[in-house]
């Protein structure tokens, strides 16, 4: 009997040593990988610390959520990017030769996209104005229709778009549709089934039910792009759903701003869509017929800026921060969610301290209650340094706008929060045009309904302050 217990003891000792060796290997593996690949020091410290406390659990969670596996497979499309009507240094526009010239050069440097001349950008408000224009262009399509949307619902307006896409394909146009794997329905996406049934090629961005694909759940495409025949495009914050048709009085109306673009900038929108399509499907559509010669449509200077957790990491954020740092008179932001990180808040605060008028317009109540709670704590810092935050009355405004000095505008799909600026795949467009910026700036100013003050934030009771501070800890994931 004693020999038996001795045998069990040594077996357990052997298993303990084996288990300890496995834990050490996993721990060293995570530590090495974090030190080599994780750029954010706080995230690196967090992953290493968690792995040292719980090696096995830490390894599993880091393998699932800590490793950035997103690497663009469309680099050859970038190398074949069409170069046309490029802005050269000898252009004499005063706002480029003035204090925004460094911005133009910096953004071209890190995006490798030229600032293009000869464009026209038209503003549309809500689905009421935008959808008829988009549908009219799709109904005239002859060569191609490329549509990317975070949300494409299977409701009244969604079916109108689907039917227009089906008819365009029947006319011989090349039709491709890309929707987000969560935004348009994770478990069930009826609009995708409807389009596939009618032979329209549609795919869902990074969508999978398999456990080993779970790391991609947190990486979404938030882009809204429509390109028709390479000559007309749409970009902005507008999803495709009945909720965006405000005149129809939906249960939860969503106001938004969208932009129709004509000119050379449309080819950059085409390029962005084709990169994303190739990334998801491996279908190469980099064909000359999708990049037709474009005539001069207007006098606006424009450039597309993309961002995502890949080679475009935080480029939209860098563009915004550089523009704000160059501001001399005013910075006005309209965003549905205002939850930037400390670096972004610091740039806004420094602008306010040096005398620039900094105003942020955000909904009094958004469609994300947790975001509203978290922003209460976050808003203390910019208000304290002289920024002014305005709360907008309903309906919920989903617009994403930035105007600097009533000269430079930045519009598109990106919210001012850490999810949009770091995790999502986003697309924005910068516009150097004084009259356009003035119109957009006036639109933002018209929504300054109720100013949020430090007194408003301080008079919250203890439990609300504790709740808001706790929720703010989730800031990177909200």
Protein backbone atom coordinates (compact mmCIF):
# COMPACT_ATOMS: atom_id res chain seq x y z
CA UNK A 1 0.00 0.00 0.00
CA UNK A 2 2.87 2.36 0.89
CA UNK A 3 4.44 1.74 -2.54
CA UNK A 4 1.12 2.61 -4.19
CA UNK A 5 0.85 5.95 -2.38
CA UNK A 6 4.49 6.68 -3.18
CA UNK A 7 3.73 6.03 -6.84
CA UNK A 8 0.73 8.41 -6.74
CA UNK A 9 2.86 11.07 -5.04
CA UNK A 10 5.52 10.99 -7.73
CA UNK A 11 2.88 10.96 -10.45
CA UNK A 12 1.26 14.07 -9.00
CA UNK A 13 4.69 15.68 -8.64
CA UNK A 14 5.46 14.84 -12.25
CA UNK A 15 2.14 16.33 -13.39
CA UNK A 16 2.73 19.46 -11.30
CA UNK A 17 6.15 19.93 -12.90
CA UNK A 18 4.69 19.40 -16.38
CA UNK A 19 1.89 21.85 -15.66
CA UNK A 20 4.39 24.39 -14.33
CA UNK A 21 6.55 24.07 -17.46
CA UNK A 22 3.51 24.60 -19.70
CA UNK A 23 2.50 27.68 -17.70
CA UNK A 24 6.05 29.07 -17.99
CA UNK A 25 6.16 28.49 -21.75
CA UNK A 26 2.80 30.21 -22.25
CA UNK A 27 3.83 33.08 -19.99
CA UNK A 28 7.12 33.65 -21.80
CA UNK A 29 5.42 33.31 -25.18
CA UNK A 30 2.81 35.99 -24.39
CA UNK A 31 5.43 38.30 -22.86
CA UNK A 32 7.71 38.01 -25.89
CA UNK A 33 4.89 38.57 -28.38
CA UNK A 34 3.52 41.58 -26.48
CA UNK A 35 6.94 43.22 -26.21
CA UNK A 36 7.55 42.72 -29.91
CA UNK A 37 4.16 43.66 -31.39
CA UNK A 38 1.97 45.74 -29.04
CA UNK A 39 2.55 49.47 -29.60
CA UNK A 40 0.45 50.87 -26.75
CA UNK A 41 2.50 50.66 -23.54
CA UNK A 42 -0.57 50.59 -21.30
CA UNK A 43 -2.05 47.70 -23.25
CA UNK A 44 1.32 45.91 -23.18
CA UNK A 45 1.62 46.29 -19.40
CA UNK A 46 -1.98 45.09 -18.98
CA UNK A 47 -1.53 41.95 -21.10
CA UNK A 48 1.79 41.02 -19.50
CA UNK A 49 0.50 41.64 -15.99
CA UNK A 50 -2.67 39.63 -16.58
CA UNK A 51 -0.67 36.76 -18.09
CA UNK A 52 1.70 36.63 -15.12
CA UNK A 53 -1.26 36.44 -12.73
CA UNK A 54 -3.24 33.91 -14.81
CA UNK A 55 -0.92 32.38 -17.44
CA UNK A 56 -3.36 30.00 -19.12
CA UNK A 57 -6.38 32.33 -19.11
CA UNK A 58 -4.14 35.22 -20.13
CA UNK A 59 -2.73 33.23 -23.05
CA UNK A 60 -6.20 32.27 -24.30
CA UNK A 61 -7.59 35.81 -24.07
CA UNK A 62 -4.48 37.36 -25.63
CA UNK A 63 -4.57 34.84 -28.48
CA UNK A 64 -8.21 35.70 -29.12
CA UNK A 65 -8.33 39.47 -28.62
CA UNK A 66 -4.80 40.83 -28.22
CA UNK A 67 -3.20 39.89 -31.53
CA UNK A 68 -3.85 42.12 -34.54
CA UNK A 69 -4.25 39.58 -37.35
CA UNK A 70 -5.63 42.08 -39.83
CA UNK A 71 -3.12 42.56 -42.65
CA UNK A 72 -4.31 43.99 -45.92
CA UNK A 73 -4.04 41.62 -48.87
CA UNK A 74 -4.79 44.44 -51.30
CA UNK A 75 -1.42 46.19 -51.36
CA UNK A 76 -1.09 45.70 -55.11
CA UNK A 77 -4.21 47.81 -55.52
CA UNK A 78 -2.45 50.57 -53.61
CA UNK A 79 0.59 50.36 -55.88
CA UNK A 80 -1.71 50.61 -58.92
CA UNK A 81 -3.56 53.63 -57.50
CA UNK A 82 -4.56 56.06 -60.27
CA UNK A 83 -2.65 59.33 -60.15
CA UNK A 84 -4.57 62.17 -61.74
CA UNK A 85 -5.13 65.90 -61.26
CA UNK A 86 -2.65 65.78 -58.40
CA UNK A 87 -2.20 68.87 -56.27
CA UNK A 88 1.31 70.19 -56.78
CA UNK A 89 3.16 72.66 -54.59
CA UNK A 90 2.75 75.53 -57.05
CA UNK A 91 -1.02 75.83 -56.56
CA UNK A 92 -1.78 79.35 -55.41
CA UNK A 93 -4.94 78.87 -53.32
CA UNK A 94 -4.38 81.05 -50.29
CA UNK A 95 -5.71 78.50 -47.81
CA UNK A 96 -3.23 75.88 -48.99
CA UNK A 97 -0.32 78.31 -49.16
CA UNK A 98 -1.43 79.65 -45.78
CA UNK A 99 -1.57 77.89 -42.42
CA UNK A 100 -3.22 74.74 -43.83
CA UNK A 101 -0.33 73.98 -46.18
CA UNK A 102 1.48 71.85 -43.53
CA UNK A 103 -1.72 69.84 -43.05
CA UNK A 104 -1.97 69.11 -46.79
CA UNK A 105 1.63 67.90 -46.89
CA UNK A 106 1.45 65.83 -43.69
CA UNK A 107 -1.75 64.01 -44.67
CA UNK A 108 -0.38 63.25 -48.13
CA UNK A 109 2.74 61.89 -46.47
CA UNK A 110 1.10 59.33 -44.20
CA UNK A 111 -1.87 58.42 -46.44
CA UNK A 112 0.09 58.29 -49.72
CA UNK A 113 -2.99 59.76 -51.38
CA UNK A 114 -2.87 62.98 -53.38
CA UNK A 115 -5.10 65.96 -52.77
CA UNK A 116 -7.27 66.09 -55.89
CA UNK A 117 -8.64 69.13 -57.70
CA UNK A 118 -11.75 69.63 -59.79
CA UNK A 119 -14.34 68.12 -57.44
CA UNK A 120 -17.88 69.00 -56.45
CA UNK A 121 -19.39 68.02 -53.09
CA UNK A 122 -23.10 68.43 -52.35
CA UNK A 123 -24.58 68.21 -48.86
CA UNK A 124 -27.73 66.19 -48.18
CA UNK A 125 -29.58 65.93 -44.89
CA UNK A 126 -31.23 62.75 -43.61
CA UNK A 127 -32.49 59.87 -45.68
CA UNK A 128 -35.34 62.09 -46.88
CA UNK A 129 -32.97 64.01 -49.19
CA UNK A 130 -30.21 61.44 -49.67
CA UNK A 131 -31.97 58.18 -50.55
CA UNK A 132 -33.80 59.52 -53.64
CA UNK A 133 -30.48 60.83 -55.00
CA UNK A 134 -28.70 57.54 -54.34
CA UNK A 135 -31.50 55.47 -55.88
CA UNK A 136 -31.66 57.73 -58.93
CA UNK A 137 -27.94 57.21 -59.58
CA UNK A 138 -28.21 53.43 -59.12
CA UNK A 139 -31.16 53.34 -61.53
CA UNK A 140 -28.98 55.03 -64.17
CA UNK A 141 -25.97 52.76 -63.66
CA UNK A 142 -24.47 51.14 -66.75
CA UNK A 143 -20.95 50.00 -65.78
CA UNK A 144 -20.79 49.35 -62.02
CA UNK A 145 -22.41 49.89 -58.65
CA UNK A 146 -20.30 49.44 -55.51
CA UNK A 147 -22.10 49.76 -52.17
CA UNK A 148 -20.63 49.45 -48.68
CA UNK A 149 -22.74 50.07 -45.59
CA UNK A 150 -22.52 49.29 -41.90
CA UNK A 151 -26.29 48.77 -41.78
CA UNK A 152 -28.48 47.71 -44.70
CA UNK A 153 -31.83 46.76 -43.25
CA UNK A 154 -34.45 44.53 -44.80
CA UNK A 155 -37.13 47.20 -44.40
CA UNK A 156 -38.95 49.44 -46.87
CA UNK A 157 -36.00 51.55 -47.99
CA UNK A 158 -33.61 48.59 -47.78
CA UNK A 159 -35.78 46.65 -50.22
CA UNK A 160 -35.88 49.65 -52.56
CA UNK A 161 -32.10 49.68 -52.66
CA UNK A 162 -31.96 45.91 -53.11
CA UNK A 163 -34.41 46.01 -56.03
CA UNK A 164 -32.48 48.88 -57.66
CA UNK A 165 -29.25 46.88 -57.33
CA UNK A 166 -30.89 43.81 -58.86
CA UNK A 167 -32.16 45.83 -61.84
CA UNK A 168 -28.72 47.42 -62.33
CA UNK A 169 -27.17 43.98 -62.55
CA UNK A 170 -29.83 42.85 -64.99
CA UNK A 171 -28.85 45.80 -67.20
CA UNK A 172 -25.29 44.47 -67.27
CA UNK A 173 -23.66 46.58 -64.57
CA UNK A 174 -21.14 44.94 -62.23
CA UNK A 175 -22.77 45.08 -58.78
CA UNK A 176 -20.97 44.35 -55.51
CA UNK A 177 -22.35 44.92 -52.01
CA UNK A 178 -20.43 44.79 -48.73
CA UNK A 179 -22.22 45.02 -45.37
CA UNK A 180 -20.88 44.68 -41.87
CA UNK A 181 -21.02 41.23 -40.28
CA UNK A 182 -22.62 42.59 -37.10
CA UNK A 183 -24.23 45.91 -38.04
CA UNK A 184 -26.45 44.28 -40.64
CA UNK A 185 -27.21 41.22 -38.52
CA UNK A 186 -24.83 38.68 -37.05
CA UNK A 187 -27.08 35.64 -36.77
CA UNK A 188 -29.46 36.51 -39.57
CA UNK A 189 -29.08 38.94 -42.47
CA UNK A 190 -32.25 38.78 -44.58
CA UNK A 191 -31.17 41.47 -47.04
CA UNK A 192 -28.09 39.40 -47.91
CA UNK A 193 -30.24 36.34 -48.55
CA UNK A 194 -32.58 38.38 -50.74
CA UNK A 195 -29.74 39.78 -52.87
CA UNK A 196 -28.00 36.41 -53.17
CA UNK A 197 -31.26 34.82 -54.22
CA UNK A 198 -31.35 37.32 -57.08
CA UNK A 199 -27.71 36.64 -58.02
CA UNK A 200 -26.24 39.88 -56.66
CA UNK A 201 -22.83 39.34 -55.09
CA UNK A 202 -22.90 40.47 -51.47
CA UNK A 203 -20.56 39.64 -48.61
CA UNK A 204 -20.53 40.29 -44.88
CA UNK A 205 -17.40 41.90 -43.49
CA UNK A 206 -15.40 39.56 -41.21
CA UNK A 207 -18.41 37.42 -40.42
CA UNK A 208 -18.07 33.89 -39.08
CA UNK A 209 -19.70 31.63 -36.51
CA UNK A 210 -16.48 29.63 -35.97
CA UNK A 211 -14.72 30.11 -32.59
CA UNK A 212 -11.29 30.64 -34.16
CA UNK A 213 -12.75 33.62 -36.05
CA UNK A 214 -14.02 35.24 -32.86
CA UNK A 215 -11.09 37.72 -32.64
CA UNK A 216 -12.54 39.55 -35.62
CA UNK A 217 -15.89 40.27 -33.98
CA UNK A 218 -14.50 43.45 -32.48
CA UNK A 219 -13.22 44.73 -35.85
CA UNK A 220 -16.05 46.20 -37.90
CA UNK A 221 -16.36 48.09 -41.17
CA UNK A 222 -18.18 51.33 -40.46
CA UNK A 223 -17.70 52.73 -43.97
CA UNK A 224 -20.55 54.12 -46.03
CA UNK A 225 -19.62 54.20 -49.71
CA UNK A 226 -21.66 54.21 -52.89
CA UNK A 227 -19.94 54.49 -56.28
CA UNK A 228 -21.83 54.45 -59.57
CA UNK A 229 -20.00 54.05 -62.91
CA UNK A 230 -16.85 55.57 -61.39
CA UNK A 231 -18.31 59.04 -61.91
CA UNK A 232 -20.61 59.68 -58.96
CA UNK A 233 -20.06 58.73 -55.34
CA UNK A 234 -21.63 59.12 -51.91
CA UNK A 235 -19.88 59.25 -48.54
CA UNK A 236 -20.91 60.19 -45.02
CA UNK A 237 -22.54 58.77 -41.93
CA UNK A 238 -25.87 57.60 -43.31
CA UNK A 239 -26.84 53.94 -42.99
CA UNK A 240 -29.69 52.48 -45.04
CA UNK A 241 -32.78 52.05 -42.88
CA UNK A 242 -36.29 53.47 -42.49
CA UNK A 243 -35.19 55.12 -39.24
CA UNK A 244 -33.26 57.67 -41.31
CA UNK A 245 -36.38 58.94 -43.09
CA UNK A 246 -37.34 61.53 -40.50
CA UNK A 247 -40.46 62.74 -42.31
CA UNK A 248 -42.03 59.29 -41.89
CA UNK A 249 -41.91 59.68 -38.08
CA UNK A 250 -40.19 56.39 -37.22
CA UNK A 251 -40.20 55.21 -33.61
CA UNK A 252 -36.56 56.27 -33.13
CA UNK A 253 -35.73 58.80 -35.88
CA UNK A 254 -32.07 59.25 -36.83
CA UNK A 255 -30.93 62.50 -38.39
CA UNK A 256 -27.74 62.40 -40.47
CA UNK A 257 -25.59 64.15 -43.06
CA UNK A 258 -24.40 62.62 -46.32
CA UNK A 259 -22.41 63.90 -49.29
CA UNK A 260 -22.62 63.39 -53.04
CA UNK A 261 -19.25 63.72 -54.74
CA UNK A 262 -18.32 64.19 -58.38
CA UNK A 263 -14.91 64.53 -60.00
CA UNK A 264 -11.58 62.79 -59.55
CA UNK A 265 -12.24 62.04 -55.87
CA UNK A 266 -14.78 59.38 -56.94
CA UNK A 267 -11.89 57.24 -58.17
CA UNK A 268 -10.43 57.22 -54.67
CA UNK A 269 -13.77 56.00 -53.33
CA UNK A 270 -13.71 53.25 -55.95
CA UNK A 271 -10.20 52.27 -54.95
CA UNK A 272 -11.16 52.04 -51.25
CA UNK A 273 -14.17 49.85 -51.96
CA UNK A 274 -12.21 47.51 -54.24
CA UNK A 275 -9.50 47.13 -51.60
CA UNK A 276 -12.09 46.12 -49.01
CA UNK A 277 -13.84 43.79 -51.42
CA UNK A 278 -10.57 42.08 -52.31
CA UNK A 279 -9.65 41.88 -48.61
CA UNK A 280 -12.87 39.99 -47.83
CA UNK A 281 -13.49 37.95 -51.00
CA UNK A 282 -10.09 37.79 -52.82
CA UNK A 283 -11.89 38.86 -56.01
CA UNK A 284 -9.68 41.29 -57.91
CA UNK A 285 -11.77 43.97 -59.65
CA UNK A 286 -8.93 46.42 -60.26
CA UNK A 287 -10.02 47.00 -63.85
CA UNK A 288 -9.51 50.11 -65.97
CA UNK A 289 -13.22 50.32 -66.80
CA UNK A 290 -13.96 51.05 -63.16
CA UNK A 291 -11.55 54.02 -63.21
CA UNK A 292 -12.85 56.12 -66.13
CA UNK A 293 -11.49 59.51 -67.10
CA UNK A 294 -13.20 62.16 -64.98
CA UNK A 295 -14.04 65.67 -66.07
CA UNK A 296 -13.68 68.71 -63.86
CA UNK A 297 -16.89 68.88 -61.83
CA UNK A 298 -16.12 71.82 -59.55
CA UNK A 299 -13.40 73.74 -57.77
CA UNK A 300 -13.07 71.79 -54.52
CA UNK A 301 -9.85 70.19 -53.31
CA UNK A 302 -10.54 66.80 -51.70
CA UNK A 303 -8.76 63.74 -50.38
CA UNK A 304 -9.97 60.44 -48.95
CA UNK A 305 -8.49 59.30 -45.63
CA UNK A 306 -9.06 55.74 -44.44
CA UNK A 307 -8.37 54.19 -41.05
CA UNK A 308 -8.49 50.73 -39.54
CA UNK A 309 -6.60 48.27 -37.31
CA UNK A 310 -4.17 47.51 -40.12
CA UNK A 311 -1.65 49.61 -42.05
CA UNK A 312 -4.05 52.58 -41.82
CA UNK A 313 -3.98 52.58 -37.99
CA UNK A 314 -5.33 55.87 -36.55
CA UNK A 315 -4.78 57.92 -39.74
CA UNK A 316 -8.15 59.65 -39.40
CA UNK A 317 -7.30 60.51 -35.81
CA UNK A 318 -3.89 61.89 -36.82
CA UNK A 319 -5.52 64.02 -39.51
CA UNK A 320 -7.99 65.50 -37.03
CA UNK A 321 -5.33 66.19 -34.41
CA UNK A 322 -3.02 67.86 -36.93
CA UNK A 323 -5.84 70.05 -38.23
CA UNK A 324 -6.92 71.08 -34.71
CA UNK A 325 -3.32 71.94 -33.81
CA UNK A 326 -3.23 74.37 -36.79
CA UNK A 327 -6.52 76.07 -35.93
CA UNK A 328 -6.37 79.85 -35.44
CA UNK A 329 -10.00 80.87 -34.94
CA UNK A 330 -12.46 78.03 -34.50
CA UNK A 331 -12.85 74.26 -34.17
CA UNK A 332 -16.37 72.88 -34.42
CA UNK A 333 -17.20 69.19 -34.09
CA UNK A 334 -20.51 67.42 -34.51
CA UNK A 335 -20.48 63.76 -33.47
CA UNK A 336 -23.07 61.27 -32.17
CA UNK A 337 -20.58 59.90 -29.62
CA UNK A 338 -17.85 61.98 -28.00
CA UNK A 339 -15.46 59.63 -26.21
CA UNK A 340 -11.91 60.35 -27.44
CA UNK A 341 -8.77 59.35 -25.61
CA UNK A 342 -6.60 61.68 -23.51
CA UNK A 343 -4.31 62.63 -26.42
CA UNK A 344 -7.23 63.88 -28.51
CA UNK A 345 -8.71 65.75 -25.54
CA UNK A 346 -5.32 67.37 -24.89
CA UNK A 347 -5.16 68.74 -28.44
CA UNK A 348 -8.64 70.25 -28.06
CA UNK A 349 -7.76 71.72 -24.67
CA UNK A 350 -4.53 73.26 -25.96
CA UNK A 351 -6.43 74.88 -28.84
CA UNK A 352 -8.95 76.38 -26.39
CA UNK A 353 -6.20 77.60 -24.06
CA UNK A 354 -4.46 79.47 -26.87
CA UNK A 355 -7.71 81.32 -27.68
CA UNK A 356 -9.34 79.19 -30.37
CA UNK A 357 -13.12 78.77 -30.09
CA UNK A 358 -13.63 75.03 -29.57
CA UNK A 359 -17.21 73.73 -29.69
CA UNK A 360 -18.45 70.14 -29.64
CA UNK A 361 -22.07 69.36 -30.51
CA UNK A 362 -23.37 65.97 -29.45
CA UNK A 363 -26.88 64.55 -28.84
CA UNK A 364 -28.39 65.12 -25.42
CA UNK A 365 -29.31 61.46 -25.50
CA UNK A 366 -27.83 59.02 -28.00
CA UNK A 367 -28.92 55.49 -28.87
CA UNK A 368 -26.16 54.10 -26.61
CA UNK A 369 -26.92 54.69 -22.92
CA UNK A 370 -23.51 53.42 -21.75
CA UNK A 371 -21.78 55.93 -24.02
CA UNK A 372 -23.87 58.76 -22.56
CA UNK A 373 -22.85 57.76 -19.04
CA UNK A 374 -19.17 57.39 -19.86
CA UNK A 375 -18.96 60.75 -21.63
CA UNK A 376 -20.15 62.60 -18.52
CA UNK A 377 -16.84 61.89 -16.82
CA UNK A 378 -14.87 62.47 -20.01
CA UNK A 379 -16.48 65.87 -20.65
CA UNK A 380 -15.13 67.37 -17.43
CA UNK A 381 -11.61 67.76 -18.82
CA UNK A 382 -12.26 69.75 -22.04
CA UNK A 383 -14.88 71.97 -20.39
CA UNK A 384 -12.49 72.79 -17.57
CA UNK A 385 -9.90 73.96 -20.13
CA UNK A 386 -12.29 76.23 -22.03
CA UNK A 387 -13.94 73.99 -24.63
CA UNK A 388 -17.70 74.36 -24.95
CA UNK A 389 -19.92 71.28 -25.26
CA UNK A 390 -23.47 71.62 -26.54
CA UNK A 391 -26.23 69.04 -26.16
CA UNK A 392 -28.53 68.74 -29.14
CA UNK A 393 -32.25 68.11 -28.83
CA UNK A 394 -33.90 65.09 -30.54
CA UNK A 395 -34.04 63.61 -33.07
CA UNK A 396 -30.79 61.75 -32.49
CA UNK A 397 -28.18 63.24 -34.82
CA UNK A 398 -25.73 60.75 -36.31
CA UNK A 399 -23.66 63.32 -38.28
CA UNK A 400 -19.85 63.23 -38.15
CA UNK A 401 -18.49 66.68 -39.04
CA UNK A 402 -15.37 68.71 -38.27
CA UNK A 403 -14.78 72.27 -39.51
CA UNK A 404 -11.62 74.29 -38.80
CA UNK A 405 -11.50 78.10 -39.19
CA UNK A 406 -14.52 77.94 -41.56
CA UNK A 407 -12.08 76.85 -44.30
CA UNK A 408 -11.22 73.15 -43.88
CA UNK A 409 -13.84 70.39 -43.49
CA UNK A 410 -13.57 66.72 -42.58
CA UNK A 411 -16.60 64.49 -43.12
CA UNK A 412 -17.32 60.78 -43.31
CA UNK A 413 -18.10 57.74 -41.19
CA UNK A 414 -15.82 58.17 -38.17
CA UNK A 415 -17.21 59.06 -34.76
CA UNK A 416 -15.05 60.83 -32.18
CA UNK A 417 -14.56 57.80 -29.96
CA UNK A 418 -11.86 55.21 -29.46
CA UNK A 419 -13.79 52.47 -31.27
CA UNK A 420 -14.05 54.50 -34.47
CA UNK A 421 -10.61 56.02 -34.24
CA UNK A 422 -8.77 52.75 -33.52
CA UNK A 423 -10.82 49.55 -34.02
CA UNK A 424 -13.25 50.22 -36.87
CA UNK A 425 -12.50 50.42 -40.57
CA UNK A 426 -13.54 53.99 -41.42
CA UNK A 427 -13.47 56.43 -44.32
CA UNK A 428 -13.45 60.24 -44.18
CA UNK A 429 -12.83 62.97 -46.71
CA UNK A 430 -11.05 66.27 -46.23
CA UNK A 431 -12.27 69.29 -48.21
CA UNK A 432 -10.39 72.55 -48.71
CA UNK A 433 -13.15 74.97 -49.72
CA UNK A 434 -14.18 78.14 -47.89
CA UNK A 435 -17.82 78.43 -48.97
CA UNK A 436 -18.51 74.75 -48.33
CA UNK A 437 -16.91 74.95 -44.88
CA UNK A 438 -18.96 78.04 -44.02
CA UNK A 439 -22.21 76.25 -44.90
CA UNK A 440 -21.22 73.22 -42.83
CA UNK A 441 -20.08 75.41 -39.93
CA UNK A 442 -23.40 77.28 -39.93
CA UNK A 443 -25.23 73.94 -39.89
CA UNK A 444 -23.25 72.84 -36.83
CA UNK A 445 -23.84 76.16 -35.05
CA UNK A 446 -27.59 75.88 -35.64
CA UNK A 447 -27.64 72.78 -33.40
CA UNK A 448 -26.17 74.45 -30.30
CA UNK A 449 -29.25 73.89 -28.16
CA UNK A 450 -28.14 73.46 -24.55
CA UNK A 451 -24.66 74.11 -23.21
CA UNK A 452 -23.22 71.56 -20.81
CA UNK A 453 -21.40 73.17 -17.89
CA UNK A 454 -19.17 71.98 -15.09
CA UNK A 455 -21.99 72.87 -12.70
CA UNK A 456 -24.29 70.44 -14.56
CA UNK A 457 -21.73 67.67 -14.20
CA UNK A 458 -20.96 68.43 -10.57
CA UNK A 459 -24.58 68.44 -9.41
CA UNK A 460 -25.03 64.77 -10.29
CA UNK A 461 -25.46 62.64 -7.19
CA UNK A 462 -22.75 60.37 -5.83
CA UNK A 463 -24.14 57.18 -7.38
CA UNK A 464 -24.38 58.67 -10.87
CA UNK A 465 -20.81 59.95 -10.64
CA UNK A 466 -19.63 56.52 -9.52
CA UNK A 467 -21.60 54.86 -12.33
CA UNK A 468 -20.19 57.20 -14.96
CA UNK A 469 -16.60 56.80 -13.73
CA UNK A 470 -16.98 53.01 -13.74
CA UNK A 471 -18.43 52.87 -17.26
CA UNK A 472 -15.62 55.16 -18.48
CA UNK A 473 -13.19 52.30 -17.79
CA UNK A 474 -14.80 50.55 -20.80
CA UNK A 475 -13.97 53.54 -23.02
CA UNK A 476 -11.81 51.58 -25.54
CA UNK A 477 -14.71 49.19 -26.28
CA UNK A 478 -17.78 51.45 -26.23
